[in-house]
């Protein structure tokens, strides 16, 4: 009698993939072509099971036209943070038989006029706003698009999907403090034109330091404006000009942390023995840095998926009040933070 292993070997997939297909598990994506091969192979080998009938999903009645604005000054599909959010959005829309009509970012004033044209030319029914964008563009969207859902924005009037940035940063810094660190630096940026220290991840960092009764060294609070090259250059300069170096650095994004790690290693500092590093986002490369970077796992894919689903629900009038959905984050502890014993041994 044929087993799942036999089917997996014949098709060239894992046993778990075959199992998911047999159980009609839709939680993990398997291409239609692979599903077809698995079922055909199962029948050829005489595997005793019943192919499940397709259950119609609770899909929207109409094919809506949806656009997306992303708060970033670089190619959104190459950014390791935003690209995963967009993947989640597109995955949900594709499953509902739709697509994003456009994705754009607001870098300069002329981009606002382009946005207006895109909305009008594509007859957009709904918009997804991923993080905070230019206020003029945002207010125009609110006035001209009926259905809007935000991803990690602050607006009580709109439905929003987000994670608690302040709490995530506070938990990461509190962990560093528990590990015995007392001089902890901060690297990050501001939201648009806001004060650098008003950003939520900095607030979480400050809260953890204050609750532990630890001073914040302003010379090691570095505004790198979310720029990777600045994170490297300014961290390098801080090491060169400050008499006392921190024993740990908390960076508000993995990209900033990785750049700062290079500045530390160029000074022949051991990570984590001389200085520990903690980032935020859990981008794919963070697991493969040297050493692997401790970070906050931000549920990027899920945030995109839930935001798109929420937008479709509002278009179908399933909700009448602005829902705020908070997706849980998770600490990913790796070698860049080490342990107390690692530090004591150096």
C-alpha atoms as a PDB file:
ATOM      1  CA  UNK A   1       0.000   0.000   0.000  1.00  0.00           C
ATOM      2  CA  UNK A   2       1.340   3.416  -1.011  1.00  0.00           C
ATOM      3  CA  UNK A   3       2.448   5.856   1.691  1.00  0.00           C
ATOM      4  CA  UNK A   4       2.860   9.624   1.804  1.00  0.00           C
ATOM      5  CA  UNK A   5       6.626   9.102   1.488  1.00  0.00           C
ATOM      6  CA  UNK A   6       6.121   7.285  -1.845  1.00  0.00           C
ATOM      7  CA  UNK A   7       4.049  10.167  -3.229  1.00  0.00           C
ATOM      8  CA  UNK A   8       6.535  12.765  -1.970  1.00  0.00           C
ATOM      9  CA  UNK A   9       9.487  10.982  -3.627  1.00  0.00           C
ATOM     10  CA  UNK A  10       7.624  10.577  -6.917  1.00  0.00           C
ATOM     11  CA  UNK A  11       6.558  14.257  -7.079  1.00  0.00           C
ATOM     12  CA  UNK A  12       9.773  15.647  -5.597  1.00  0.00           C
ATOM     13  CA  UNK A  13       8.290  17.463  -2.608  1.00  0.00           C
ATOM     14  CA  UNK A  14       8.414  17.016   1.161  1.00  0.00           C
ATOM     15  CA  UNK A  15       6.165  14.599   3.038  1.00  0.00           C
ATOM     16  CA  UNK A  16       4.669  17.536   4.945  1.00  0.00           C
ATOM     17  CA  UNK A  17       3.654  19.174   1.643  1.00  0.00           C
ATOM     18  CA  UNK A  18       1.887  15.984   0.559  1.00  0.00           C
ATOM     19  CA  UNK A  19       0.183  15.792   3.956  1.00  0.00           C
ATOM     20  CA  UNK A  20      -1.068  19.392   3.706  1.00  0.00           C
ATOM     21  CA  UNK A  21      -2.491  18.771   0.249  1.00  0.00           C
ATOM     22  CA  UNK A  22      -4.231  15.588   1.388  1.00  0.00           C
ATOM     23  CA  UNK A  23      -5.769  17.479   4.308  1.00  0.00           C
ATOM     24  CA  UNK A  24      -6.683  20.399   2.028  1.00  0.00           C
ATOM     25  CA  UNK A  25      -4.742  22.691   4.373  1.00  0.00           C
ATOM     26  CA  UNK A  26      -4.747  26.205   2.929  1.00  0.00           C
ATOM     27  CA  UNK A  27      -2.633  27.797   5.669  1.00  0.00           C
ATOM     28  CA  UNK A  28       0.581  27.217   3.700  1.00  0.00           C
ATOM     29  CA  UNK A  29       0.705  28.006  -0.001  1.00  0.00           C
ATOM     30  CA  UNK A  30       1.174  25.137  -2.460  1.00  0.00           C
ATOM     31  CA  UNK A  31       0.874  25.866  -6.173  1.00  0.00           C
ATOM     32  CA  UNK A  32      -2.098  24.499  -8.097  1.00  0.00           C
ATOM     33  CA  UNK A  33       0.292  22.594 -10.375  1.00  0.00           C
ATOM     34  CA  UNK A  34       1.959  20.848  -7.416  1.00  0.00           C
ATOM     35  CA  UNK A  35      -1.434  20.009  -5.877  1.00  0.00           C
ATOM     36  CA  UNK A  36      -2.534  18.484  -9.173  1.00  0.00           C
ATOM     37  CA  UNK A  37       0.652  16.369  -9.437  1.00  0.00           C
ATOM     38  CA  UNK A  38       0.253  15.135  -5.861  1.00  0.00           C
ATOM     39  CA  UNK A  39      -3.351  14.037  -6.388  1.00  0.00           C
ATOM     40  CA  UNK A  40      -2.585  12.406  -9.738  1.00  0.00           C
ATOM     41  CA  UNK A  41       0.387  10.533  -8.247  1.00  0.00           C
ATOM     42  CA  UNK A  42      -1.694   9.436  -5.242  1.00  0.00           C
ATOM     43  CA  UNK A  43      -4.311   7.973  -7.576  1.00  0.00           C
ATOM     44  CA  UNK A  44      -1.659   6.277  -9.729  1.00  0.00           C
ATOM     45  CA  UNK A  45      -0.077   4.655  -6.659  1.00  0.00           C
ATOM     46  CA  UNK A  46      -3.430   3.616  -5.279  1.00  0.00           C
ATOM     47  CA  UNK A  47      -3.239   5.770  -2.153  1.00  0.00           C
ATOM     48  CA  UNK A  48      -6.581   5.419  -0.396  1.00  0.00           C
ATOM     49  CA  UNK A  49      -8.036   8.852   0.235  1.00  0.00           C
ATOM     50  CA  UNK A  50     -10.879  11.018  -0.904  1.00  0.00           C
ATOM     51  CA  UNK A  51     -10.034  14.122  -2.856  1.00  0.00           C
ATOM     52  CA  UNK A  52     -11.747  17.003  -1.049  1.00  0.00           C
ATOM     53  CA  UNK A  53     -14.276  19.044  -2.942  1.00  0.00           C
ATOM     54  CA  UNK A  54     -13.496  22.713  -3.299  1.00  0.00           C
ATOM     55  CA  UNK A  55     -15.268  24.827  -0.768  1.00  0.00           C
ATOM     56  CA  UNK A  56     -16.260  28.249  -1.943  1.00  0.00           C
ATOM     57  CA  UNK A  57     -14.594  30.948   0.079  1.00  0.00           C
ATOM     58  CA  UNK A  58     -16.474  33.881   1.500  1.00  0.00           C
ATOM     59  CA  UNK A  59     -15.278  36.108  -1.286  1.00  0.00           C
ATOM     60  CA  UNK A  60     -16.444  39.612  -2.066  1.00  0.00           C
ATOM     61  CA  UNK A  61     -19.287  39.867  -4.546  1.00  0.00           C
ATOM     62  CA  UNK A  62     -17.424  42.335  -6.743  1.00  0.00           C
ATOM     63  CA  UNK A  63     -13.973  42.731  -8.208  1.00  0.00           C
ATOM     64  CA  UNK A  64     -12.847  45.937  -6.568  1.00  0.00           C
ATOM     65  CA  UNK A  65     -10.060  48.167  -7.846  1.00  0.00           C
ATOM     66  CA  UNK A  66      -7.456  48.661  -5.140  1.00  0.00           C
ATOM     67  CA  UNK A  67      -4.349  50.832  -4.927  1.00  0.00           C
ATOM     68  CA  UNK A  68      -1.519  51.039  -2.404  1.00  0.00           C
ATOM     69  CA  UNK A  69       0.746  53.822  -1.128  1.00  0.00           C
ATOM     70  CA  UNK A  70       3.956  52.850   0.657  1.00  0.00           C
ATOM     71  CA  UNK A  71       5.908  55.197   2.944  1.00  0.00           C
ATOM     72  CA  UNK A  72       9.420  54.707   1.639  1.00  0.00           C
ATOM     73  CA  UNK A  73      11.862  56.543  -0.635  1.00  0.00           C
ATOM     74  CA  UNK A  74      13.232  53.469  -2.415  1.00  0.00           C
ATOM     75  CA  UNK A  75      12.017  50.630  -4.598  1.00  0.00           C
ATOM     76  CA  UNK A  76       9.272  49.047  -2.504  1.00  0.00           C
ATOM     77  CA  UNK A  77       9.718  45.606  -4.034  1.00  0.00           C
ATOM     78  CA  UNK A  78      13.429  45.475  -3.125  1.00  0.00           C
ATOM     79  CA  UNK A  79      13.031  46.609   0.474  1.00  0.00           C
ATOM     80  CA  UNK A  80      13.253  43.528   2.733  1.00  0.00           C
ATOM     81  CA  UNK A  81      10.593  44.919   5.101  1.00  0.00           C
ATOM     82  CA  UNK A  82       7.978  46.457   2.806  1.00  0.00           C
ATOM     83  CA  UNK A  83       8.270  43.791   0.120  1.00  0.00           C
ATOM     84  CA  UNK A  84       6.955  41.127   2.523  1.00  0.00           C
ATOM     85  CA  UNK A  85       3.997  43.318   3.531  1.00  0.00           C
ATOM     86  CA  UNK A  86       3.211  43.796  -0.168  1.00  0.00           C
ATOM     87  CA  UNK A  87       3.507  40.047  -0.692  1.00  0.00           C
ATOM     88  CA  UNK A  88       0.855  39.508   1.977  1.00  0.00           C
ATOM     89  CA  UNK A  89      -1.441  42.106   0.405  1.00  0.00           C
ATOM     90  CA  UNK A  90      -1.095  40.631  -3.066  1.00  0.00           C
ATOM     91  CA  UNK A  91      -1.538  37.072  -1.805  1.00  0.00           C
ATOM     92  CA  UNK A  92      -4.913  37.909  -0.247  1.00  0.00           C
ATOM     93  CA  UNK A  93      -6.124  39.895  -3.246  1.00  0.00           C
ATOM     94  CA  UNK A  94      -5.062  37.147  -5.660  1.00  0.00           C
ATOM     95  CA  UNK A  95      -7.013  34.574  -3.648  1.00  0.00           C
ATOM     96  CA  UNK A  96     -10.045  36.862  -3.939  1.00  0.00           C
ATOM     97  CA  UNK A  97      -9.591  37.149  -7.706  1.00  0.00           C
ATOM     98  CA  UNK A  98      -8.211  40.698  -7.599  1.00  0.00           C
ATOM     99  CA  UNK A  99      -4.926  42.537  -7.836  1.00  0.00           C
ATOM    100  CA  UNK A 100      -3.268  45.792  -6.858  1.00  0.00           C
ATOM    101  CA  UNK A 101      -3.845  48.317  -9.607  1.00  0.00           C
ATOM    102  CA  UNK A 102      -0.730  50.243  -8.541  1.00  0.00           C
ATOM    103  CA  UNK A 103       1.838  50.654  -5.762  1.00  0.00           C
ATOM    104  CA  UNK A 104       3.465  54.056  -5.333  1.00  0.00           C
ATOM    105  CA  UNK A 105       5.444  56.079  -2.805  1.00  0.00           C
ATOM    106  CA  UNK A 106       5.524  59.819  -2.122  1.00  0.00           C
ATOM    107  CA  UNK A 107       9.086  61.109  -2.387  1.00  0.00           C
ATOM    108  CA  UNK A 108       8.498  64.619  -3.711  1.00  0.00           C
ATOM    109  CA  UNK A 109       5.567  66.952  -4.281  1.00  0.00           C
ATOM    110  CA  UNK A 110       5.065  65.969  -7.920  1.00  0.00           C
ATOM    111  CA  UNK A 111       4.409  62.415  -6.731  1.00  0.00           C
ATOM    112  CA  UNK A 112       1.196  63.660  -5.094  1.00  0.00           C
ATOM    113  CA  UNK A 113      -0.120  64.737  -8.498  1.00  0.00           C
ATOM    114  CA  UNK A 114       0.866  61.352  -9.917  1.00  0.00           C
ATOM    115  CA  UNK A 115      -1.014  59.658  -7.065  1.00  0.00           C
ATOM    116  CA  UNK A 116      -4.144  61.695  -7.832  1.00  0.00           C
ATOM    117  CA  UNK A 117      -3.953  60.662 -11.484  1.00  0.00           C
ATOM    118  CA  UNK A 118      -3.481  56.990 -10.584  1.00  0.00           C
ATOM    119  CA  UNK A 119      -6.500  57.020  -8.285  1.00  0.00           C
ATOM    120  CA  UNK A 120      -8.718  58.726 -10.866  1.00  0.00           C
ATOM    121  CA  UNK A 121      -7.471  56.883 -13.965  1.00  0.00           C
ATOM    122  CA  UNK A 122      -7.802  53.482 -12.292  1.00  0.00           C
ATOM    123  CA  UNK A 123     -11.162  54.368 -10.700  1.00  0.00           C
ATOM    124  CA  UNK A 124      -9.885  53.140  -7.341  1.00  0.00           C
ATOM    125  CA  UNK A 125     -12.491  51.811  -4.895  1.00  0.00           C
ATOM    126  CA  UNK A 126     -10.159  51.270  -1.950  1.00  0.00           C
ATOM    127  CA  UNK A 127      -6.648  52.118  -0.774  1.00  0.00           C
ATOM    128  CA  UNK A 128      -4.062  50.539   1.476  1.00  0.00           C
ATOM    129  CA  UNK A 129      -1.681  52.996   3.139  1.00  0.00           C
ATOM    130  CA  UNK A 130       1.471  51.266   4.388  1.00  0.00           C
ATOM    131  CA  UNK A 131       2.972  53.371   7.189  1.00  0.00           C
ATOM    132  CA  UNK A 132       2.820  57.129   7.464  1.00  0.00           C
ATOM    133  CA  UNK A 133       2.981  59.138   4.237  1.00  0.00           C
ATOM    134  CA  UNK A 134       3.079  62.830   3.284  1.00  0.00           C
ATOM    135  CA  UNK A 135       0.205  64.569   5.092  1.00  0.00           C
ATOM    136  CA  UNK A 136      -1.113  66.392   2.014  1.00  0.00           C
ATOM    137  CA  UNK A 137      -1.287  63.122   0.067  1.00  0.00           C
ATOM    138  CA  UNK A 138      -2.863  61.342   3.031  1.00  0.00           C
ATOM    139  CA  UNK A 139      -5.588  63.958   3.477  1.00  0.00           C
ATOM    140  CA  UNK A 140      -6.343  63.860  -0.258  1.00  0.00           C
ATOM    141  CA  UNK A 141      -6.741  60.079  -0.129  1.00  0.00           C
ATOM    142  CA  UNK A 142      -9.117  60.363   2.851  1.00  0.00           C
ATOM    143  CA  UNK A 143     -11.204  62.938   0.988  1.00  0.00           C
ATOM    144  CA  UNK A 144     -11.331  61.083  -2.352  1.00  0.00           C
ATOM    145  CA  UNK A 145     -11.234  57.341  -1.635  1.00  0.00           C
ATOM    146  CA  UNK A 146     -14.183  55.813   0.142  1.00  0.00           C
ATOM    147  CA  UNK A 147     -12.508  52.782   1.724  1.00  0.00           C
ATOM    148  CA  UNK A 148      -9.051  53.003   3.317  1.00  0.00           C
ATOM    149  CA  UNK A 149      -7.113  50.635   5.579  1.00  0.00           C
ATOM    150  CA  UNK A 150      -3.766  51.561   7.094  1.00  0.00           C
ATOM    151  CA  UNK A 151      -0.797  49.379   7.943  1.00  0.00           C
ATOM    152  CA  UNK A 152       0.985  50.651  11.058  1.00  0.00           C
ATOM    153  CA  UNK A 153      -0.358  54.210  10.912  1.00  0.00           C
ATOM    154  CA  UNK A 154      -1.863  56.314  13.711  1.00  0.00           C
ATOM    155  CA  UNK A 155      -5.383  57.391  12.788  1.00  0.00           C
ATOM    156  CA  UNK A 156      -8.332  56.637  15.062  1.00  0.00           C
ATOM    157  CA  UNK A 157     -10.751  57.407  12.233  1.00  0.00           C
ATOM    158  CA  UNK A 158      -9.526  54.549  10.022  1.00  0.00           C
ATOM    159  CA  UNK A 159      -9.182  50.770  10.380  1.00  0.00           C
ATOM    160  CA  UNK A 160      -5.535  49.891  10.996  1.00  0.00           C
ATOM    161  CA  UNK A 161      -3.418  46.733  11.180  1.00  0.00           C
ATOM    162  CA  UNK A 162      -0.199  47.119  13.161  1.00  0.00           C
ATOM    163  CA  UNK A 163       2.118  45.775  15.825  1.00  0.00           C
ATOM    164  CA  UNK A 164       3.097  47.579  19.037  1.00  0.00           C
ATOM    165  CA  UNK A 165       6.424  49.187  18.113  1.00  0.00           C
ATOM    166  CA  UNK A 166       6.974  50.813  21.507  1.00  0.00           C
ATOM    167  CA  UNK A 167       6.298  47.587  23.416  1.00  0.00           C
ATOM    168  CA  UNK A 168       8.555  45.588  21.071  1.00  0.00           C
ATOM    169  CA  UNK A 169      11.472  47.993  21.531  1.00  0.00           C
ATOM    170  CA  UNK A 170      10.942  48.117  25.275  1.00  0.00           C
ATOM    171  CA  UNK A 171      10.994  44.321  25.540  1.00  0.00           C
ATOM    172  CA  UNK A 172      14.200  44.076  23.486  1.00  0.00           C
ATOM    173  CA  UNK A 173      15.997  46.713  25.571  1.00  0.00           C
ATOM    174  CA  UNK A 174      14.691  45.182  28.806  1.00  0.00           C
ATOM    175  CA  UNK A 175      16.232  41.888  27.695  1.00  0.00           C
ATOM    176  CA  UNK A 176      19.591  43.593  27.149  1.00  0.00           C
ATOM    177  CA  UNK A 177      19.332  45.104  30.623  1.00  0.00           C
ATOM    178  CA  UNK A 178      18.551  41.664  32.093  1.00  0.00           C
ATOM    179  CA  UNK A 179      21.724  40.432  30.410  1.00  0.00           C
ATOM    180  CA  UNK A 180      23.692  42.930  32.470  1.00  0.00           C
ATOM    181  CA  UNK A 181      24.066  45.786  29.991  1.00  0.00           C
ATOM    182  CA  UNK A 182      23.994  49.302  31.445  1.00  0.00           C
ATOM    183  CA  UNK A 183      25.327  51.406  28.555  1.00  0.00           C
ATOM    184  CA  UNK A 184      22.901  50.803  25.705  1.00  0.00           C
ATOM    185  CA  UNK A 185      23.003  52.878  22.523  1.00  0.00           C
ATOM    186  CA  UNK A 186      20.079  53.601  20.194  1.00  0.00           C
ATOM    187  CA  UNK A 187      20.085  53.863  16.391  1.00  0.00           C
ATOM    188  CA  UNK A 188      16.983  54.847  14.436  1.00  0.00           C
ATOM    189  CA  UNK A 189      15.127  57.581  12.582  1.00  0.00           C
ATOM    190  CA  UNK A 190      12.075  59.805  12.736  1.00  0.00           C
ATOM    191  CA  UNK A 191       8.625  59.549  11.179  1.00  0.00           C
ATOM    192  CA  UNK A 192       8.611  62.056   8.323  1.00  0.00           C
ATOM    193  CA  UNK A 193       9.242  65.520   9.821  1.00  0.00           C
ATOM    194  CA  UNK A 194       8.524  64.568  13.446  1.00  0.00           C
ATOM    195  CA  UNK A 195      11.066  64.863  16.211  1.00  0.00           C
ATOM    196  CA  UNK A 196      13.452  61.909  16.173  1.00  0.00           C
ATOM    197  CA  UNK A 197      12.706  61.157  19.827  1.00  0.00           C
ATOM    198  CA  UNK A 198       8.945  61.002  19.247  1.00  0.00           C
ATOM    199  CA  UNK A 199       9.279  57.830  17.170  1.00  0.00           C
ATOM    200  CA  UNK A 200       7.618  54.885  18.942  1.00  0.00           C
ATOM    201  CA  UNK A 201      10.626  52.585  19.004  1.00  0.00           C
ATOM    202  CA  UNK A 202      12.709  55.283  20.670  1.00  0.00           C
ATOM    203  CA  UNK A 203       9.931  55.758  23.215  1.00  0.00           C
ATOM    204  CA  UNK A 204      10.072  52.044  24.017  1.00  0.00           C
ATOM    205  CA  UNK A 205      13.868  52.225  24.388  1.00  0.00           C
ATOM    206  CA  UNK A 206      13.626  55.261  26.675  1.00  0.00           C
ATOM    207  CA  UNK A 207      10.881  53.664  28.781  1.00  0.00           C
ATOM    208  CA  UNK A 208      12.992  50.530  29.418  1.00  0.00           C
ATOM    209  CA  UNK A 209      16.042  52.606  30.332  1.00  0.00           C
ATOM    210  CA  UNK A 210      14.083  54.887  32.671  1.00  0.00           C
ATOM    211  CA  UNK A 211      12.342  52.009  34.442  1.00  0.00           C
ATOM    212  CA  UNK A 212      15.746  50.414  35.067  1.00  0.00           C
ATOM    213  CA  UNK A 213      17.120  53.703  36.374  1.00  0.00           C
ATOM    214  CA  UNK A 214      19.756  53.841  33.635  1.00  0.00           C
ATOM    215  CA  UNK A 215      21.055  57.060  32.050  1.00  0.00           C
ATOM    216  CA  UNK A 216      20.759  57.649  28.304  1.00  0.00           C
ATOM    217  CA  UNK A 217      24.006  58.865  26.748  1.00  0.00           C
ATOM    218  CA  UNK A 218      22.939  61.411  24.107  1.00  0.00           C
ATOM    219  CA  UNK A 219      26.193  60.883  22.197  1.00  0.00           C
ATOM    220  CA  UNK A 220      25.035  57.319  21.615  1.00  0.00           C
ATOM    221  CA  UNK A 221      21.488  58.187  20.518  1.00  0.00           C
ATOM    222  CA  UNK A 222      22.035  58.315  16.769  1.00  0.00           C
ATOM    223  CA  UNK A 223      19.554  59.559  14.157  1.00  0.00           C
ATOM    224  CA  UNK A 224      20.536  57.781  10.942  1.00  0.00           C
ATOM    225  CA  UNK A 225      17.333  58.789   9.100  1.00  0.00           C
ATOM    226  CA  UNK A 226      16.648  55.132   8.216  1.00  0.00           C
ATOM    227  CA  UNK A 227      19.665  55.247   5.885  1.00  0.00           C
ATOM    228  CA  UNK A 228      21.882  52.145   5.885  1.00  0.00           C
ATOM    229  CA  UNK A 229      25.040  53.998   4.855  1.00  0.00           C
ATOM    230  CA  UNK A 230      24.446  56.646   7.541  1.00  0.00           C
ATOM    231  CA  UNK A 231      23.998  53.910  10.137  1.00  0.00           C
ATOM    232  CA  UNK A 232      27.457  52.615   9.271  1.00  0.00           C
ATOM    233  CA  UNK A 233      29.129  56.030   9.012  1.00  0.00           C
ATOM    234  CA  UNK A 234      27.616  57.593  12.145  1.00  0.00           C
ATOM    235  CA  UNK A 235      28.169  54.493  14.273  1.00  0.00           C
ATOM    236  CA  UNK A 236      31.772  54.372  13.080  1.00  0.00           C
ATOM    237  CA  UNK A 237      32.183  58.064  13.992  1.00  0.00           C
ATOM    238  CA  UNK A 238      30.613  57.520  17.418  1.00  0.00           C
ATOM    239  CA  UNK A 239      33.108  54.746  18.174  1.00  0.00           C
ATOM    240  CA  UNK A 240      35.958  57.039  17.102  1.00  0.00           C
ATOM    241  CA  UNK A 241      34.896  60.174  18.999  1.00  0.00           C
ATOM    242  CA  UNK A 242      33.368  58.877  22.236  1.00  0.00           C
ATOM    243  CA  UNK A 243      35.679  57.865  25.059  1.00  0.00           C
ATOM    244  CA  UNK A 244      33.243  55.301  26.411  1.00  0.00           C
ATOM    245  CA  UNK A 245      31.609  52.783  24.096  1.00  0.00           C
ATOM    246  CA  UNK A 246      28.285  51.070  24.827  1.00  0.00           C
ATOM    247  CA  UNK A 247      28.152  47.388  25.672  1.00  0.00           C
ATOM    248  CA  UNK A 248      24.965  46.973  23.622  1.00  0.00           C
ATOM    249  CA  UNK A 249      23.307  48.718  20.679  1.00  0.00           C
ATOM    250  CA  UNK A 250      19.578  48.582  19.987  1.00  0.00           C
ATOM    251  CA  UNK A 251      18.720  49.498  16.388  1.00  0.00           C
ATOM    252  CA  UNK A 252      15.170  50.312  15.287  1.00  0.00           C
ATOM    253  CA  UNK A 253      15.547  48.124  12.182  1.00  0.00           C
ATOM    254  CA  UNK A 254      17.633  45.128  11.175  1.00  0.00           C
ATOM    255  CA  UNK A 255      19.167  47.013   8.251  1.00  0.00           C
ATOM    256  CA  UNK A 256      20.426  49.712  10.622  1.00  0.00           C
ATOM    257  CA  UNK A 257      21.744  47.072  13.027  1.00  0.00           C
ATOM    258  CA  UNK A 258      23.621  45.152  10.326  1.00  0.00           C
ATOM    259  CA  UNK A 259      25.320  48.323   9.067  1.00  0.00           C
ATOM    260  CA  UNK A 260      26.314  49.273  12.619  1.00  0.00           C
ATOM    261  CA  UNK A 261      27.685  45.765  13.207  1.00  0.00           C
ATOM    262  CA  UNK A 262      30.115  46.340  10.357  1.00  0.00           C
ATOM    263  CA  UNK A 263      31.345  49.524  12.041  1.00  0.00           C
ATOM    264  CA  UNK A 264      31.953  47.556  15.247  1.00  0.00           C
ATOM    265  CA  UNK A 265      33.782  44.671  13.584  1.00  0.00           C
ATOM    266  CA  UNK A 266      36.046  47.093  11.690  1.00  0.00           C
ATOM    267  CA  UNK A 267      37.211  48.339  15.095  1.00  0.00           C
ATOM    268  CA  UNK A 268      37.954  44.700  15.960  1.00  0.00           C
ATOM    269  CA  UNK A 269      35.217  44.647  18.601  1.00  0.00           C
ATOM    270  CA  UNK A 270      33.836  41.217  19.363  1.00  0.00           C
ATOM    271  CA  UNK A 271      30.098  40.650  18.983  1.00  0.00           C
ATOM    272  CA  UNK A 272      28.595  39.986  21.497  1.00  0.00           C
ATOM    273  CA  UNK A 273      31.640  39.912  23.820  1.00  0.00           C
ATOM    274  CA  UNK A 274      32.473  43.629  23.498  1.00  0.00           C
ATOM    275  CA  UNK A 275      29.166  44.939  22.161  1.00  0.00           C
ATOM    276  CA  UNK A 276      25.830  43.178  21.696  1.00  0.00           C
ATOM    277  CA  UNK A 277      23.345  44.038  18.938  1.00  0.00           C
ATOM    278  CA  UNK A 278      19.537  43.835  18.811  1.00  0.00           C
ATOM    279  CA  UNK A 279      17.432  44.775  15.770  1.00  0.00           C
ATOM    280  CA  UNK A 280      13.794  44.971  14.714  1.00  0.00           C
ATOM    281  CA  UNK A 281      11.938  43.388  11.749  1.00  0.00           C
ATOM    282  CA  UNK A 282      13.488  39.894  11.409  1.00  0.00           C
ATOM    283  CA  UNK A 283      14.253  40.379   7.731  1.00  0.00           C
ATOM    284  CA  UNK A 284      15.492  37.215   6.053  1.00  0.00           C
ATOM    285  CA  UNK A 285      19.188  38.180   6.042  1.00  0.00           C
ATOM    286  CA  UNK A 286      19.238  38.772   9.834  1.00  0.00           C
ATOM    287  CA  UNK A 287      19.548  35.030  10.435  1.00  0.00           C
ATOM    288  CA  UNK A 288      22.668  34.852   8.258  1.00  0.00           C
ATOM    289  CA  UNK A 289      24.749  37.768   9.560  1.00  0.00           C
ATOM    290  CA  UNK A 290      27.946  37.001  11.457  1.00  0.00           C
ATOM    291  CA  UNK A 291      26.971  36.440  14.185  1.00  0.00           C
ATOM    292  CA  UNK A 292      23.230  35.956  13.551  1.00  0.00           C
ATOM    293  CA  UNK A 293      21.283  39.015  14.695  1.00  0.00           C
ATOM    294  CA  UNK A 294      18.879  38.965  17.624  1.00  0.00           C
ATOM    295  CA  UNK A 295      15.761  40.777  16.523  1.00  0.00           C
ATOM    296  CA  UNK A 296      12.039  41.372  16.949  1.00  0.00           C
ATOM    297  CA  UNK A 297      10.038  39.294  14.494  1.00  0.00           C
ATOM    298  CA  UNK A 298       7.480  41.647  12.959  1.00  0.00           C
ATOM    299  CA  UNK A 299       4.625  39.680  11.334  1.00  0.00           C
ATOM    300  CA  UNK A 300       5.033  41.456   7.994  1.00  0.00           C
ATOM    301  CA  UNK A 301       3.281  38.923   5.764  1.00  0.00           C
ATOM    302  CA  UNK A 302       0.334  38.612   8.152  1.00  0.00           C
ATOM    303  CA  UNK A 303       0.006  42.385   8.478  1.00  0.00           C
ATOM    304  CA  UNK A 304      -0.313  42.676   4.704  1.00  0.00           C
ATOM    305  CA  UNK A 305      -2.762  39.782   4.481  1.00  0.00           C
ATOM    306  CA  UNK A 306      -4.998  41.046   7.288  1.00  0.00           C
ATOM    307  CA  UNK A 307      -4.946  44.600   5.923  1.00  0.00           C
ATOM    308  CA  UNK A 308      -6.122  43.447   2.495  1.00  0.00           C
ATOM    309  CA  UNK A 309      -8.776  41.180   4.024  1.00  0.00           C
ATOM    310  CA  UNK A 310      -9.979  43.998   6.258  1.00  0.00           C
ATOM    311  CA  UNK A 311     -10.252  46.349   3.274  1.00  0.00           C
ATOM    312  CA  UNK A 312     -12.375  43.811   1.380  1.00  0.00           C
ATOM    313  CA  UNK A 313     -14.564  43.341   4.462  1.00  0.00           C
ATOM    314  CA  UNK A 314     -15.210  47.079   4.683  1.00  0.00           C
ATOM    315  CA  UNK A 315     -16.047  47.194   0.990  1.00  0.00           C
ATOM    316  CA  UNK A 316     -18.591  44.456   1.614  1.00  0.00           C
ATOM    317  CA  UNK A 317     -19.987  46.502   4.548  1.00  0.00           C
ATOM    318  CA  UNK A 318     -19.158  43.829   7.115  1.00  0.00           C
ATOM    319  CA  UNK A 319     -17.906  46.486   9.549  1.00  0.00           C
ATOM    320  CA  UNK A 320     -19.120  49.988  10.278  1.00  0.00           C
ATOM    321  CA  UNK A 321     -16.578  51.142  12.876  1.00  0.00           C
ATOM    322  CA  UNK A 322     -12.797  51.570  12.397  1.00  0.00           C
ATOM    323  CA  UNK A 323     -11.206  48.374  13.706  1.00  0.00           C
ATOM    324  CA  UNK A 324      -7.660  48.412  15.056  1.00  0.00           C
ATOM    325  CA  UNK A 325      -5.980  45.030  14.721  1.00  0.00           C
ATOM    326  CA  UNK A 326      -2.750  44.492  16.693  1.00  0.00           C
ATOM    327  CA  UNK A 327      -0.671  41.552  15.435  1.00  0.00           C
ATOM    328  CA  UNK A 328       1.681  40.005  18.040  1.00  0.00           C
ATOM    329  CA  UNK A 329       5.433  40.307  17.569  1.00  0.00           C
ATOM    330  CA  UNK A 330       8.023  37.798  18.791  1.00  0.00           C
ATOM    331  CA  UNK A 331      11.569  38.052  20.161  1.00  0.00           C
ATOM    332  CA  UNK A 332      14.131  36.095  18.142  1.00  0.00           C
ATOM    333  CA  UNK A 333      17.212  35.603  20.326  1.00  0.00           C
ATOM    334  CA  UNK A 334      20.374  34.788  18.408  1.00  0.00           C
ATOM    335  CA  UNK A 335      24.141  35.005  18.915  1.00  0.00           C
ATOM    336  CA  UNK A 336      24.508  38.792  18.548  1.00  0.00           C
ATOM    337  CA  UNK A 337      23.230  39.280  22.105  1.00  0.00           C
ATOM    338  CA  UNK A 338      24.967  36.258  23.613  1.00  0.00           C
ATOM    339  CA  UNK A 339      24.516  35.712  27.350  1.00  0.00           C
ATOM    340  CA  UNK A 340      25.926  36.933  30.647  1.00  0.00           C
ATOM    341  CA  UNK A 341      28.424  34.084  30.672  1.00  0.00           C
ATOM    342  CA  UNK A 342      29.639  35.071  27.187  1.00  0.00           C
ATOM    343  CA  UNK A 343      30.430  38.583  28.427  1.00  0.00           C
ATOM    344  CA  UNK A 344      32.031  37.434  31.657  1.00  0.00           C
ATOM    345  CA  UNK A 345      34.321  35.117  29.691  1.00  0.00           C
ATOM    346  CA  UNK A 346      35.765  37.974  27.615  1.00  0.00           C
END
